Amino acid sequence: MEEGRLAARKSTAAARGAWLVFEDEAGFSMTPPRARTWGRRGRTPLVRVRGRSWRRLSIAAMCCYKPGERARFIYRPRSYRRGVHERPSFAWTDYRDLARCAHLQLGGPIVPLWDNLNTHLTAGMRRYVDEHEWLTVFQLPAYATELNPVEGIWSLLRRGPLANTAFVDAEHLTRTLRRSLRRIQYRPDLINGCLTETGLAPTDRHPTPSRKDQ
């Protein structure tokens, strides 16, 4: 049933000549995710970290697809310190600005699909969607992370450059994330692969990269 609804939304995007844009957000801290690695027989590898850190980095990201176009990846970071009077997550205005940025970079209408996060459902966000013809928003089904290809991007990060990494400071974490995400932007095959993992049909591939997503 849910896949049928997503297919209908893809048809809506195709009919409008729009980009189908999956959005999600994730938080990263200086405590690295653990992953399998090599070690001497009988000795468990240890990763020494600098105790507890109150610094975190949140990222809102979009995987963008359109038949005949190269898959694109757009993201925006947000840094904050726990325990300080800073907003730990994105406000609805941040998602508004991210959608507007995607519209400008992709050069056409967009159809974002995102979850039922309360920030996505605010009156301000709904009003902004209603006022702009280039923007049509759909909610993904509840508890259906397997349908969002951005989840695949987070998995690539946690199993790859972030795994077992002892970050020296918050700037080290930020640099690692930015460098890794930039590499993904130049790998449309990875972005398409994340869509394939959802069970949805991948878009046509185009090999030429672009610097506009940075």
N, C-alpha and C. Protein backbone atom coordinates (compact mmCIF):
# COMPACT_ATOMS: atom_id res chain seq x y z
N MET A 1 0.83 -1.21 0.00
CA MET A 1 0.00 0.00 0.00
C MET A 1 0.86 1.25 0.00
N GLU A 2 1.88 1.30 0.92
CA GLU A 2 2.72 2.49 1.01
C GLU A 2 3.55 2.67 -0.25
N GLU A 3 4.04 1.57 -0.85
CA GLU A 3 4.80 1.69 -2.09
C GLU A 3 3.92 2.22 -3.21
N GLY A 4 2.61 1.85 -3.19
CA GLY A 4 1.70 2.38 -4.19
C GLY A 4 1.54 3.88 -4.06
N ARG A 5 1.47 4.35 -2.82
CA ARG A 5 1.35 5.79 -2.60
C ARG A 5 2.60 6.52 -3.08
N LEU A 6 3.77 5.93 -2.80
CA LEU A 6 5.00 6.55 -3.27
C LEU A 6 5.07 6.57 -4.78
N ALA A 7 4.59 5.51 -5.41
CA ALA A 7 4.57 5.49 -6.87
C ALA A 7 3.69 6.60 -7.41
N ALA A 8 2.55 6.85 -6.75
CA ALA A 8 1.66 7.93 -7.18
C ALA A 8 2.36 9.28 -7.03
N ARG A 9 3.14 9.44 -5.98
CA ARG A 9 3.85 10.69 -5.78
C ARG A 9 4.94 10.87 -6.82
N LYS A 10 5.59 9.77 -7.20
CA LYS A 10 6.58 9.85 -8.27
C LYS A 10 5.91 10.25 -9.57
N SER A 11 4.70 9.75 -9.81
CA SER A 11 3.97 10.14 -11.01
C SER A 11 3.63 11.63 -10.97
N THR A 12 3.29 12.13 -9.77
CA THR A 12 3.02 13.56 -9.62
C THR A 12 4.25 14.37 -9.98
N ALA A 13 5.40 13.94 -9.49
CA ALA A 13 6.64 14.65 -9.78
C ALA A 13 6.95 14.62 -11.27
N ALA A 14 6.77 13.45 -11.89
CA ALA A 14 7.06 13.33 -13.32
C ALA A 14 6.13 14.21 -14.15
N ALA A 15 4.85 14.25 -13.76
CA ALA A 15 3.88 15.04 -14.51
C ALA A 15 4.22 16.52 -14.46
N ARG A 16 4.81 16.96 -13.35
CA ARG A 16 5.16 18.36 -13.21
C ARG A 16 6.56 18.66 -13.72
N GLY A 17 7.30 17.65 -14.15
CA GLY A 17 8.69 17.85 -14.53
C GLY A 17 9.53 18.22 -13.34
N ALA A 18 9.14 17.70 -12.17
CA ALA A 18 9.78 18.11 -10.92
C ALA A 18 10.82 17.08 -10.47
N TRP A 19 11.67 17.54 -9.57
CA TRP A 19 12.62 16.66 -8.90
C TRP A 19 11.92 16.02 -7.70
N LEU A 20 12.13 14.72 -7.53
CA LEU A 20 11.65 14.02 -6.35
C LEU A 20 12.76 14.11 -5.31
N VAL A 21 12.46 14.72 -4.17
CA VAL A 21 13.49 15.06 -3.18
C VAL A 21 13.15 14.41 -1.84
N PHE A 22 14.00 13.47 -1.41
CA PHE A 22 13.83 12.83 -0.11
C PHE A 22 14.68 13.59 0.91
N GLU A 23 14.06 13.94 2.06
CA GLU A 23 14.78 14.71 3.07
C GLU A 23 14.82 13.96 4.39
N ASP A 24 15.92 14.14 5.12
CA ASP A 24 16.04 13.58 6.46
C ASP A 24 17.12 14.34 7.20
N GLU A 25 17.15 14.19 8.52
CA GLU A 25 18.16 14.85 9.31
C GLU A 25 18.75 13.86 10.30
N ALA A 26 20.00 14.12 10.72
CA ALA A 26 20.68 13.23 11.66
C ALA A 26 21.66 14.05 12.48
N GLY A 27 21.97 13.55 13.68
CA GLY A 27 22.92 14.21 14.55
C GLY A 27 24.18 13.38 14.71
N PHE A 28 25.32 14.06 14.84
CA PHE A 28 26.61 13.38 14.99
C PHE A 28 27.37 14.01 16.15
N SER A 29 28.03 13.17 16.95
CA SER A 29 28.80 13.66 18.08
C SER A 29 30.25 13.19 17.94
N MET A 30 31.10 13.61 18.89
CA MET A 30 32.50 13.23 18.82
C MET A 30 32.74 11.80 19.28
N THR A 31 31.73 11.15 19.85
CA THR A 31 31.86 9.72 20.17
C THR A 31 31.62 8.93 18.90
N PRO A 32 32.62 8.24 18.38
CA PRO A 32 32.48 7.62 17.06
C PRO A 32 31.62 6.37 17.07
N PRO A 33 30.93 6.09 15.98
CA PRO A 33 30.21 4.81 15.87
C PRO A 33 31.22 3.67 15.74
N ARG A 34 30.89 2.54 16.33
CA ARG A 34 31.78 1.39 16.26
C ARG A 34 31.50 0.56 15.01
N ALA A 35 32.56 0.01 14.45
CA ALA A 35 32.42 -0.84 13.26
C ALA A 35 33.48 -1.93 13.31
N ARG A 36 33.26 -2.97 12.56
CA ARG A 36 34.23 -4.06 12.50
C ARG A 36 35.54 -3.56 11.91
N THR A 37 36.64 -4.07 12.46
CA THR A 37 37.95 -3.69 11.95
C THR A 37 38.91 -4.85 12.18
N TRP A 38 40.15 -4.68 11.73
CA TRP A 38 41.15 -5.72 11.90
C TRP A 38 41.85 -5.53 13.24
N GLY A 39 42.35 -6.61 13.83
CA GLY A 39 43.10 -6.55 15.08
C GLY A 39 43.90 -7.83 15.26
N ARG A 40 44.87 -7.75 16.14
CA ARG A 40 45.65 -8.95 16.43
C ARG A 40 44.79 -9.99 17.12
N ARG A 41 45.07 -11.25 16.84
CA ARG A 41 44.30 -12.33 17.43
C ARG A 41 44.37 -12.26 18.95
N GLY A 42 43.20 -12.28 19.57
CA GLY A 42 43.14 -12.25 21.03
C GLY A 42 43.21 -10.86 21.64
N ARG A 43 43.34 -9.81 20.81
CA ARG A 43 43.41 -8.45 21.33
C ARG A 43 42.30 -7.60 20.70
N THR A 44 41.38 -7.15 21.51
CA THR A 44 40.28 -6.32 21.00
C THR A 44 40.80 -4.91 20.72
N PRO A 45 40.64 -4.39 19.49
CA PRO A 45 41.10 -3.03 19.18
C PRO A 45 40.37 -2.01 20.03
N LEU A 46 41.10 -0.99 20.51
CA LEU A 46 40.53 0.07 21.32
C LEU A 46 40.69 1.41 20.61
N VAL A 47 39.66 2.24 20.72
CA VAL A 47 39.71 3.60 20.17
C VAL A 47 39.64 4.56 21.35
N ARG A 48 40.67 5.34 21.56
CA ARG A 48 40.71 6.28 22.68
C ARG A 48 40.07 7.60 22.24
N VAL A 49 39.06 8.03 22.97
CA VAL A 49 38.38 9.29 22.67
C VAL A 49 38.58 10.25 23.83
N ARG A 50 38.30 11.52 23.58
CA ARG A 50 38.56 12.58 24.57
C ARG A 50 37.37 12.78 25.50
N GLY A 51 36.95 11.72 26.17
CA GLY A 51 35.86 11.83 27.13
C GLY A 51 34.56 12.28 26.48
N ARG A 52 33.65 12.77 27.32
CA ARG A 52 32.37 13.21 26.80
C ARG A 52 32.49 14.60 26.21
N SER A 53 31.89 14.78 25.06
CA SER A 53 31.90 16.10 24.42
C SER A 53 30.47 16.60 24.32
N TRP A 54 30.30 17.90 24.56
CA TRP A 54 28.98 18.50 24.47
C TRP A 54 28.71 19.08 23.09
N ARG A 55 29.71 18.98 22.22
CA ARG A 55 29.52 19.50 20.87
C ARG A 55 28.87 18.46 19.98
N ARG A 56 27.90 18.89 19.19
CA ARG A 56 27.24 18.02 18.23
C ARG A 56 27.06 18.76 16.92
N LEU A 57 26.87 17.99 15.86
CA LEU A 57 26.62 18.57 14.55
C LEU A 57 25.39 17.89 13.96
N SER A 58 24.37 18.68 13.67
CA SER A 58 23.18 18.15 13.01
C SER A 58 23.25 18.47 11.52
N ILE A 59 22.75 17.56 10.71
CA ILE A 59 22.76 17.75 9.26
C ILE A 59 21.39 17.43 8.70
N ALA A 60 20.84 18.34 7.93
CA ALA A 60 19.62 18.10 7.15
C ALA A 60 20.06 17.89 5.70
N ALA A 61 19.59 16.83 5.08
CA ALA A 61 20.09 16.48 3.76
C ALA A 61 18.96 16.06 2.84
N MET A 62 19.21 16.20 1.54
CA MET A 62 18.24 15.83 0.51
C MET A 62 18.91 14.99 -0.58
N CYS A 63 18.31 13.85 -0.90
CA CYS A 63 18.69 13.07 -2.08
C CYS A 63 17.68 13.43 -3.17
N CYS A 64 18.17 13.87 -4.32
CA CYS A 64 17.31 14.45 -5.35
C CYS A 64 17.40 13.62 -6.63
N TYR A 65 16.23 13.27 -7.18
CA TYR A 65 16.17 12.41 -8.36
C TYR A 65 15.20 12.96 -9.39
N LYS A 66 15.60 12.80 -10.65
CA LYS A 66 14.73 13.17 -11.77
C LYS A 66 15.16 12.36 -12.98
N PRO A 67 14.23 11.70 -13.67
CA PRO A 67 14.59 10.90 -14.84
C PRO A 67 15.40 11.72 -15.85
N GLY A 68 16.49 11.14 -16.32
CA GLY A 68 17.34 11.81 -17.30
C GLY A 68 18.35 12.75 -16.72
N GLU A 69 18.34 12.93 -15.38
CA GLU A 69 19.26 13.84 -14.72
C GLU A 69 20.15 13.06 -13.75
N ARG A 70 21.33 13.61 -13.49
CA ARG A 70 22.22 13.01 -12.51
C ARG A 70 21.63 13.18 -11.11
N ALA A 71 21.65 12.13 -10.32
CA ALA A 71 21.18 12.22 -8.95
C ALA A 71 22.02 13.24 -8.19
N ARG A 72 21.38 14.01 -7.33
CA ARG A 72 22.05 15.08 -6.61
C ARG A 72 21.88 14.90 -5.11
N PHE A 73 22.82 15.46 -4.37
CA PHE A 73 22.77 15.41 -2.90
C PHE A 73 23.06 16.80 -2.36
N ILE A 74 22.14 17.33 -1.55
CA ILE A 74 22.26 18.67 -0.99
C ILE A 74 22.14 18.57 0.52
N TYR A 75 22.98 19.28 1.25
CA TYR A 75 22.91 19.20 2.71
C TYR A 75 23.22 20.55 3.34
N ARG A 76 22.77 20.71 4.58
CA ARG A 76 23.07 21.89 5.37
C ARG A 76 23.38 21.45 6.80
N PRO A 77 24.53 21.89 7.38
CA PRO A 77 24.89 21.52 8.75
C PRO A 77 24.41 22.54 9.78
N ARG A 78 24.33 22.10 11.02
CA ARG A 78 24.00 22.99 12.14
C ARG A 78 24.75 22.49 13.36
N SER A 79 25.64 23.34 13.89
CA SER A 79 26.45 22.97 15.05
C SER A 79 25.85 23.56 16.32
N TYR A 80 25.94 22.82 17.41
CA TYR A 80 25.46 23.35 18.68
C TYR A 80 26.14 22.63 19.84
N ARG A 81 26.05 23.23 21.02
CA ARG A 81 26.63 22.66 22.22
C ARG A 81 25.52 22.33 23.21
N ARG A 82 25.44 21.09 23.63
CA ARG A 82 24.42 20.69 24.60
C ARG A 82 24.68 21.38 25.94
N GLY A 83 23.62 21.80 26.60
CA GLY A 83 23.75 22.47 27.87
C GLY A 83 23.82 23.98 27.73
N VAL A 84 23.96 24.48 26.50
CA VAL A 84 23.99 25.91 26.24
C VAL A 84 22.66 26.29 25.59
N HIS A 85 22.25 27.55 25.73
CA HIS A 85 20.96 27.98 25.20
C HIS A 85 21.03 28.12 23.69
N GLU A 86 21.15 27.02 23.01
CA GLU A 86 21.13 26.97 21.56
C GLU A 86 20.08 25.96 21.14
N ARG A 87 19.42 26.25 20.03
CA ARG A 87 18.43 25.29 19.53
C ARG A 87 19.16 24.05 19.01
N PRO A 88 18.84 22.85 19.54
CA PRO A 88 19.58 21.65 19.16
C PRO A 88 19.16 21.07 17.81
N SER A 89 18.06 21.56 17.26
CA SER A 89 17.57 21.00 16.00
C SER A 89 17.19 22.12 15.04
N PHE A 90 16.82 21.73 13.83
CA PHE A 90 16.46 22.70 12.81
C PHE A 90 15.06 23.27 13.06
N ALA A 91 14.91 24.56 12.82
CA ALA A 91 13.60 25.20 12.90
C ALA A 91 12.91 25.06 11.54
N TRP A 92 11.59 25.35 11.51
CA TRP A 92 10.88 25.22 10.23
C TRP A 92 11.45 26.17 9.19
N THR A 93 11.99 27.30 9.64
CA THR A 93 12.60 28.25 8.69
C THR A 93 13.85 27.66 8.05
N ASP A 94 14.55 26.78 8.77
CA ASP A 94 15.72 26.12 8.19
C ASP A 94 15.30 25.17 7.06
N TYR A 95 14.19 24.45 7.28
CA TYR A 95 13.70 23.56 6.23
C TYR A 95 13.15 24.37 5.05
N ARG A 96 12.53 25.48 5.33
CA ARG A 96 12.08 26.37 4.26
C ARG A 96 13.26 26.83 3.42
N ASP A 97 14.34 27.25 4.08
CA ASP A 97 15.51 27.72 3.35
C ASP A 97 16.18 26.59 2.58
N LEU A 98 16.18 25.38 3.14
CA LEU A 98 16.76 24.23 2.45
C LEU A 98 15.96 23.91 1.19
N ALA A 99 14.63 23.95 1.28
CA ALA A 99 13.79 23.70 0.11
C ALA A 99 14.02 24.76 -0.96
N ARG A 100 14.12 26.01 -0.54
CA ARG A 100 14.36 27.10 -1.48
C ARG A 100 15.72 26.94 -2.16
N CYS A 101 16.72 26.54 -1.38
CA CYS A 101 18.06 26.31 -1.94
C CYS A 101 18.02 25.19 -2.97
N ALA A 102 17.31 24.09 -2.66
CA ALA A 102 17.20 22.98 -3.59
C ALA A 102 16.52 23.42 -4.88
N HIS A 103 15.47 24.20 -4.75
CA HIS A 103 14.75 24.70 -5.93
C HIS A 103 15.68 25.51 -6.83
N LEU A 104 16.50 26.37 -6.25
CA LEU A 104 17.41 27.20 -7.04
C LEU A 104 18.53 26.36 -7.66
N GLN A 105 19.10 25.44 -6.90
CA GLN A 105 20.20 24.64 -7.41
C GLN A 105 19.76 23.64 -8.48
N LEU A 106 18.57 23.08 -8.30
CA LEU A 106 18.08 22.08 -9.25
C LEU A 106 17.42 22.73 -10.46
N GLY A 107 17.04 23.99 -10.33
CA GLY A 107 16.51 24.72 -11.47
C GLY A 107 15.12 24.31 -11.91
N GLY A 108 14.28 23.91 -10.98
CA GLY A 108 12.92 23.51 -11.34
C GLY A 108 12.10 23.20 -10.12
N PRO A 109 10.82 22.84 -10.30
CA PRO A 109 9.96 22.50 -9.17
C PRO A 109 10.47 21.26 -8.45
N ILE A 110 10.17 21.17 -7.16
CA ILE A 110 10.61 20.03 -6.36
C ILE A 110 9.42 19.46 -5.59
N VAL A 111 9.49 18.16 -5.35
CA VAL A 111 8.47 17.46 -4.56
C VAL A 111 9.18 16.77 -3.39
N PRO A 112 9.35 17.48 -2.26
CA PRO A 112 10.00 16.85 -1.10
C PRO A 112 9.12 15.79 -0.46
N LEU A 113 9.76 14.71 -0.03
CA LEU A 113 9.12 13.69 0.78
C LEU A 113 9.89 13.62 2.08
N TRP A 114 9.22 13.93 3.20
CA TRP A 114 9.89 13.88 4.49
C TRP A 114 8.96 13.30 5.54
N ASP A 115 9.50 13.08 6.73
CA ASP A 115 8.72 12.40 7.77
C ASP A 115 7.77 13.37 8.47
N ASN A 116 7.10 12.87 9.51
CA ASN A 116 6.09 13.66 10.21
C ASN A 116 6.66 14.43 11.40
N LEU A 117 7.90 14.83 11.30
CA LEU A 117 8.51 15.66 12.33
C LEU A 117 7.66 16.91 12.52
N ASN A 118 7.43 17.29 13.78
CA ASN A 118 6.52 18.42 14.03
C ASN A 118 6.99 19.70 13.36
N THR A 119 8.30 19.85 13.19
CA THR A 119 8.82 21.05 12.52
C THR A 119 8.39 21.10 11.06
N HIS A 120 8.21 19.93 10.45
CA HIS A 120 7.76 19.89 9.05
C HIS A 120 6.29 20.28 8.92
N LEU A 121 5.56 20.18 10.03
CA LEU A 121 4.11 20.35 9.97
C LEU A 121 3.62 21.68 10.55
N THR A 122 4.53 22.59 10.83
CA THR A 122 4.13 23.86 11.42
C THR A 122 3.27 24.68 10.45
N ALA A 123 2.50 25.61 11.04
CA ALA A 123 1.65 26.47 10.22
C ALA A 123 2.48 27.31 9.25
N GLY A 124 3.66 27.75 9.71
CA GLY A 124 4.52 28.55 8.84
C GLY A 124 4.99 27.77 7.63
N MET A 125 5.35 26.50 7.83
CA MET A 125 5.81 25.67 6.72
C MET A 125 4.67 25.38 5.76
N ARG A 126 3.50 25.06 6.30
CA ARG A 126 2.35 24.78 5.44
C ARG A 126 1.98 26.02 4.62
N ARG A 127 2.05 27.17 5.25
CA ARG A 127 1.72 28.41 4.54
C ARG A 127 2.73 28.68 3.42
N TYR A 128 4.00 28.42 3.70
CA TYR A 128 5.03 28.64 2.68
C TYR A 128 4.82 27.71 1.49
N VAL A 129 4.46 26.45 1.76
CA VAL A 129 4.20 25.49 0.68
C VAL A 129 3.01 25.95 -0.16
N ASP A 130 1.96 26.41 0.50
CA ASP A 130 0.76 26.85 -0.22
C ASP A 130 1.03 28.07 -1.10
N GLU A 131 1.99 28.88 -0.73
CA GLU A 131 2.25 30.13 -1.45
C GLU A 131 3.20 29.97 -2.63
N HIS A 132 3.77 28.79 -2.82
CA HIS A 132 4.77 28.61 -3.88
C HIS A 132 4.41 27.40 -4.74
N GLU A 133 4.16 27.67 -6.01
CA GLU A 133 3.74 26.61 -6.94
C GLU A 133 4.84 25.61 -7.23
N TRP A 134 6.10 26.01 -7.08
CA TRP A 134 7.21 25.10 -7.40
C TRP A 134 7.44 24.06 -6.30
N LEU A 135 6.68 24.16 -5.20
CA LEU A 135 6.91 23.30 -4.04
C LEU A 135 5.65 22.50 -3.71
N THR A 136 5.77 21.16 -3.77
CA THR A 136 4.69 20.25 -3.37
C THR A 136 5.27 19.25 -2.38
N VAL A 137 4.71 19.18 -1.18
CA VAL A 137 5.28 18.36 -0.12
C VAL A 137 4.38 17.17 0.19
N PHE A 138 5.00 16.01 0.42
CA PHE A 138 4.30 14.82 0.89
C PHE A 138 5.00 14.29 2.13
N GLN A 139 4.23 13.71 3.03
CA GLN A 139 4.80 13.05 4.21
C GLN A 139 5.05 11.59 3.91
N LEU A 140 6.21 11.11 4.33
CA LEU A 140 6.48 9.68 4.25
C LEU A 140 5.66 8.95 5.31
N PRO A 141 5.36 7.67 5.11
CA PRO A 141 4.63 6.91 6.12
C PRO A 141 5.40 6.88 7.45
N ALA A 142 4.68 6.82 8.54
CA ALA A 142 5.32 6.76 9.85
C ALA A 142 6.13 5.48 10.01
N TYR A 143 7.27 5.59 10.66
CA TYR A 143 8.13 4.43 10.94
C TYR A 143 8.52 3.69 9.66
N ALA A 144 8.81 4.43 8.62
CA ALA A 144 9.19 3.79 7.34
C ALA A 144 10.52 4.35 6.86
N THR A 145 11.51 4.31 7.74
CA THR A 145 12.83 4.83 7.37
C THR A 145 13.44 4.08 6.20
N GLU A 146 12.99 2.82 6.01
CA GLU A 146 13.55 2.03 4.91
C GLU A 146 13.16 2.58 3.55
N LEU A 147 12.21 3.51 3.49
CA LEU A 147 11.79 4.10 2.22
C LEU A 147 12.52 5.41 1.91
N ASN A 148 13.41 5.83 2.80
CA ASN A 148 14.10 7.10 2.60
C ASN A 148 15.57 6.84 2.26
N PRO A 149 16.01 7.18 1.03
CA PRO A 149 17.40 6.93 0.65
C PRO A 149 18.42 7.73 1.44
N VAL A 150 18.01 8.82 2.10
CA VAL A 150 18.97 9.58 2.90
C VAL A 150 19.48 8.73 4.06
N GLU A 151 18.66 7.79 4.53
CA GLU A 151 19.11 6.87 5.58
C GLU A 151 20.34 6.09 5.11
N GLY A 152 20.39 5.80 3.82
CA GLY A 152 21.56 5.11 3.27
C GLY A 152 22.80 5.97 3.33
N ILE A 153 22.64 7.29 3.16
CA ILE A 153 23.78 8.21 3.28
C ILE A 153 24.33 8.18 4.69
N TRP A 154 23.44 8.24 5.70
CA TRP A 154 23.90 8.18 7.09
C TRP A 154 24.64 6.87 7.36
N SER A 155 24.14 5.78 6.79
CA SER A 155 24.80 4.49 6.99
C SER A 155 26.20 4.48 6.38
N LEU A 156 26.34 5.08 5.19
CA LEU A 156 27.65 5.16 4.55
C LEU A 156 28.65 5.92 5.43
N LEU A 157 28.18 6.99 6.05
CA LEU A 157 29.05 7.79 6.91
C LEU A 157 29.46 7.01 8.16
N ARG A 158 28.50 6.35 8.79
CA ARG A 158 28.77 5.69 10.06
C ARG A 158 29.58 4.41 9.89
N ARG A 159 29.48 3.79 8.72
CA ARG A 159 30.27 2.59 8.46
C ARG A 159 31.60 2.92 7.79
N GLY A 160 31.75 4.19 7.36
CA GLY A 160 32.95 4.58 6.63
C GLY A 160 33.82 5.56 7.39
N PRO A 161 33.84 6.83 6.99
CA PRO A 161 34.80 7.79 7.56
C PRO A 161 34.63 8.09 9.04
N LEU A 162 33.43 7.88 9.60
CA LEU A 162 33.23 8.17 11.02
C LEU A 162 33.54 6.98 11.92
N ALA A 163 33.54 5.79 11.36
CA ALA A 163 33.68 4.58 12.16
C ALA A 163 35.04 4.51 12.85
N ASN A 164 35.00 4.27 14.16
CA ASN A 164 36.22 4.05 14.96
C ASN A 164 37.21 5.20 14.88
N THR A 165 36.73 6.42 14.61
CA THR A 165 37.61 7.57 14.48
C THR A 165 37.65 8.35 15.79
N ALA A 166 38.85 8.58 16.32
CA ALA A 166 39.01 9.36 17.54
C ALA A 166 39.14 10.83 17.14
N PHE A 167 38.05 11.57 17.26
CA PHE A 167 38.08 12.97 16.87
C PHE A 167 38.80 13.81 17.92
N VAL A 168 39.68 14.67 17.45
CA VAL A 168 40.49 15.50 18.35
C VAL A 168 39.64 16.59 18.99
N ASP A 169 38.78 17.21 18.15
CA ASP A 169 37.91 18.27 18.64
C ASP A 169 36.71 18.39 17.70
N ALA A 170 35.82 19.35 17.99
CA ALA A 170 34.61 19.51 17.18
C ALA A 170 34.95 19.89 15.74
N GLU A 171 36.02 20.66 15.56
CA GLU A 171 36.40 21.05 14.21
C GLU A 171 36.84 19.84 13.39
N HIS A 172 37.49 18.88 14.05
CA HIS A 172 37.90 17.65 13.37
C HIS A 172 36.68 16.88 12.88
N LEU A 173 35.66 16.78 13.73
CA LEU A 173 34.41 16.12 13.33
C LEU A 173 33.76 16.84 12.17
N THR A 174 33.70 18.17 12.24
CA THR A 174 33.07 18.96 11.17
C THR A 174 33.80 18.79 9.86
N ARG A 175 35.13 18.86 9.89
CA ARG A 175 35.91 18.70 8.66
C ARG A 175 35.70 17.32 8.04
N THR A 176 35.68 16.30 8.89
CA THR A 176 35.51 14.93 8.39
C THR A 176 34.14 14.77 7.73
N LEU A 177 33.11 15.29 8.37
CA LEU A 177 31.77 15.19 7.80
C LEU A 177 31.66 15.95 6.49
N ARG A 178 32.14 17.18 6.46
CA ARG A 178 32.05 17.98 5.24
C ARG A 178 32.80 17.33 4.08
N ARG A 179 34.01 16.84 4.35
CA ARG A 179 34.79 16.20 3.31
C ARG A 179 34.11 14.94 2.79
N SER A 180 33.53 14.16 3.71
CA SER A 180 32.87 12.92 3.30
C SER A 180 31.60 13.19 2.51
N LEU A 181 30.82 14.19 2.94
CA LEU A 181 29.59 14.53 2.22
C LEU A 181 29.90 15.11 0.85
N ARG A 182 30.97 15.87 0.74
CA ARG A 182 31.35 16.43 -0.56
C ARG A 182 31.72 15.31 -1.53
N ARG A 183 32.39 14.29 -1.03
CA ARG A 183 32.74 13.16 -1.90
C ARG A 183 31.49 12.44 -2.38
N ILE A 184 30.51 12.31 -1.50
CA ILE A 184 29.27 11.66 -1.91
C ILE A 184 28.57 12.47 -2.98
N GLN A 185 28.65 13.80 -2.90
CA GLN A 185 28.02 14.65 -3.91
C GLN A 185 28.56 14.36 -5.30
N TYR A 186 29.82 13.94 -5.38
CA TYR A 186 30.43 13.65 -6.68
C TYR A 186 30.33 12.18 -7.05
N ARG A 187 29.51 11.42 -6.30
CA ARG A 187 29.31 10.01 -6.59
C ARG A 187 27.83 9.73 -6.79
N PRO A 188 27.26 10.12 -7.96
CA PRO A 188 25.83 9.86 -8.19
C PRO A 188 25.48 8.38 -8.13
N ASP A 189 26.47 7.51 -8.36
CA ASP A 189 26.19 6.08 -8.26
C ASP A 189 25.85 5.69 -6.83
N LEU A 190 26.50 6.34 -5.84
CA LEU A 190 26.17 6.07 -4.45
C LEU A 190 24.77 6.58 -4.10
N ILE A 191 24.43 7.77 -4.60
CA ILE A 191 23.12 8.35 -4.33
C ILE A 191 22.03 7.49 -4.96
N ASN A 192 22.27 7.01 -6.19
CA ASN A 192 21.32 6.10 -6.83
C ASN A 192 21.24 4.77 -6.08
N GLY A 193 22.38 4.32 -5.57
CA GLY A 193 22.39 3.06 -4.84
C GLY A 193 21.54 3.13 -3.58
N CYS A 194 21.55 4.29 -2.92
CA CYS A 194 20.72 4.47 -1.72
C CYS A 194 19.24 4.40 -2.09
N LEU A 195 18.87 4.90 -3.27
CA LEU A 195 17.48 4.79 -3.72
C LEU A 195 17.14 3.35 -4.04
N THR A 196 18.06 2.64 -4.68
CA THR A 196 17.82 1.24 -5.01
C THR A 196 17.58 0.41 -3.76
N GLU A 197 18.29 0.72 -2.67
CA GLU A 197 18.14 -0.02 -1.42
C GLU A 197 16.74 0.13 -0.83
N THR A 198 16.03 1.18 -1.19
CA THR A 198 14.67 1.36 -0.68
C THR A 198 13.66 0.47 -1.40
N GLY A 199 14.07 -0.11 -2.54
CA GLY A 199 13.15 -0.91 -3.32
C GLY A 199 12.41 -0.11 -4.36
N LEU A 200 12.66 1.20 -4.41
CA LEU A 200 12.04 2.05 -5.42
C LEU A 200 12.91 2.04 -6.67
N ALA A 201 12.32 2.39 -7.81
CA ALA A 201 13.06 2.35 -9.07
C ALA A 201 14.08 3.47 -9.10
N PRO A 202 15.34 3.20 -9.47
CA PRO A 202 16.34 4.25 -9.58
C PRO A 202 16.09 5.12 -10.80
N THR A 203 16.65 6.33 -10.79
CA THR A 203 16.54 7.22 -11.93
C THR A 203 17.65 6.92 -12.92
N ASP A 204 17.53 7.49 -14.12
CA ASP A 204 18.61 7.38 -15.08
C ASP A 204 19.84 8.06 -14.53
N ARG A 205 21.00 7.57 -14.90
CA ARG A 205 22.23 8.12 -14.37
C ARG A 205 22.89 9.04 -15.40
N HIS A 206 23.56 10.05 -14.87
CA HIS A 206 24.30 10.98 -15.71
C HIS A 206 25.67 11.16 -15.08
N PRO A 207 26.77 10.96 -15.82
CA PRO A 207 28.09 10.88 -15.20
C PRO A 207 28.73 12.21 -14.87
N THR A 208 28.24 13.32 -15.37
CA THR A 208 28.94 14.59 -15.22
C THR A 208 28.63 15.23 -13.89
N PRO A 209 29.66 15.46 -13.01
CA PRO A 209 29.41 16.08 -11.71
C PRO A 209 29.24 17.58 -11.83
N SER A 210 28.75 18.20 -10.76
CA SER A 210 28.55 19.64 -10.71
C SER A 210 28.99 20.15 -9.38
N ARG A 211 29.52 21.38 -9.35
CA ARG A 211 29.97 21.98 -8.10
C ARG A 211 28.89 22.80 -7.43
N LYS A 212 27.70 22.91 -8.03
CA LYS A 212 26.67 23.77 -7.49
C LYS A 212 26.10 23.26 -6.17
N ASP A 213 26.28 21.96 -5.86
CA ASP A 213 25.69 21.40 -4.66
C ASP A 213 26.46 21.75 -3.40
N GLN A 214 27.68 22.26 -3.53
CA GLN A 214 28.51 22.49 -2.35
C GLN A 214 27.97 23.64 -1.53
